Amino acid sequence: MKVLTRKYILTIAGVLLGAIAGYLYWQQVGCSSGSCAITSNPTNSTIYGAMMGGLLFSMFQSDKNKSEPH
């Protein structure tokens, strides 16, 4: 478990920061009409932020096996 956590620490951090950012976006900006698919509901906004944060931060993760030629 410890090795898995170290390997994906950037992705985990991105998911957490993205979820916080998604919730704060819903709270501060939101959707006044209620017809917005993502920002009308705090759950949708939080999940979307978590996914985007995880994807963004995982781009900066290096994979040691990819650097070796086969």
Protein backbone atom coordinates (compact mmCIF):
# COMPACT_ATOMS: atom_id res chain seq x y z
CA MET A 1 0.00 0.00 0.00
CA LYS A 2 2.85 2.36 0.83
CA VAL A 3 4.50 1.76 -2.56
CA LEU A 4 1.20 2.36 -4.34
CA THR A 5 0.69 5.61 -2.47
CA ARG A 6 4.18 6.83 -3.32
CA LYS A 7 3.76 5.92 -6.97
CA TYR A 8 0.51 7.87 -7.36
CA ILE A 9 1.07 10.70 -4.86
CA LEU A 10 0.72 13.42 -7.53
CA THR A 11 -2.51 11.94 -8.85
CA ILE A 12 -3.94 11.64 -5.34
CA ALA A 13 -2.98 15.24 -4.59
CA GLY A 14 -4.56 16.36 -7.86
CA VAL A 15 -7.81 14.56 -7.06
CA LEU A 16 -8.00 16.14 -3.60
CA LEU A 17 -7.14 19.64 -4.80
CA GLY A 18 -9.48 19.31 -7.77
CA ALA A 19 -12.36 18.21 -5.54
CA ILE A 20 -11.81 21.20 -3.27
CA ALA A 21 -11.58 23.53 -6.25
CA GLY A 22 -14.73 22.07 -7.80
CA TYR A 23 -16.70 22.54 -4.60
CA LEU A 24 -15.42 26.08 -4.13
CA TYR A 25 -16.31 26.87 -7.73
CA TRP A 26 -19.88 25.67 -7.13
CA GLN A 27 -20.07 27.66 -3.90
CA GLN A 28 -18.64 30.92 -5.25
CA VAL A 29 -19.75 30.93 -8.91
CA GLY A 30 -22.29 28.16 -9.35
CA CYS A 31 -25.20 28.38 -11.74
CA SER A 32 -27.97 30.87 -11.11
CA SER A 33 -30.54 29.25 -13.40
CA GLY A 34 -29.99 25.64 -12.29
CA SER A 35 -29.75 24.38 -15.86
CA CYS A 36 -25.97 23.96 -15.93
CA ALA A 37 -25.03 20.28 -16.04
CA ILE A 38 -21.87 20.50 -13.92
CA THR A 39 -22.19 23.54 -11.69
CA SER A 40 -25.84 23.27 -10.68
CA ASN A 41 -25.13 20.54 -8.13
CA PRO A 42 -22.23 20.49 -5.62
CA THR A 43 -21.73 16.75 -6.08
CA ASN A 44 -21.33 17.04 -9.85
CA SER A 45 -19.00 19.99 -9.51
CA THR A 46 -16.85 18.23 -6.90
CA ILE A 47 -16.57 15.01 -8.91
CA TYR A 48 -15.76 16.91 -12.11
CA GLY A 49 -13.08 18.93 -10.30
CA ALA A 50 -11.58 15.77 -8.80
CA MET A 51 -11.37 14.09 -12.22
CA MET A 52 -9.82 17.13 -13.87
CA GLY A 53 -7.34 17.61 -11.02
CA GLY A 54 -6.31 13.96 -11.12
CA LEU A 55 -5.83 14.06 -14.89
CA LEU A 56 -3.88 17.30 -14.75
CA PHE A 57 -1.52 16.24 -11.98
CA SER A 58 -0.98 12.75 -13.45
CA MET A 59 0.57 14.39 -16.53
CA PHE A 60 3.55 15.43 -14.39
CA GLN A 61 4.11 11.94 -13.01
CA SER A 62 7.14 10.15 -14.44
CA ASP A 63 7.11 6.46 -15.21
CA LYS A 64 10.58 4.93 -14.83
CA ASN A 65 9.74 1.98 -17.09
CA LYS A 66 8.87 4.21 -20.05
CA SER A 67 12.31 5.82 -20.13
CA GLU A 68 14.11 2.55 -20.88
CA PRO A 69 14.20 1.47 -24.54
CA HIS A 70 13.02 -2.06 -25.29
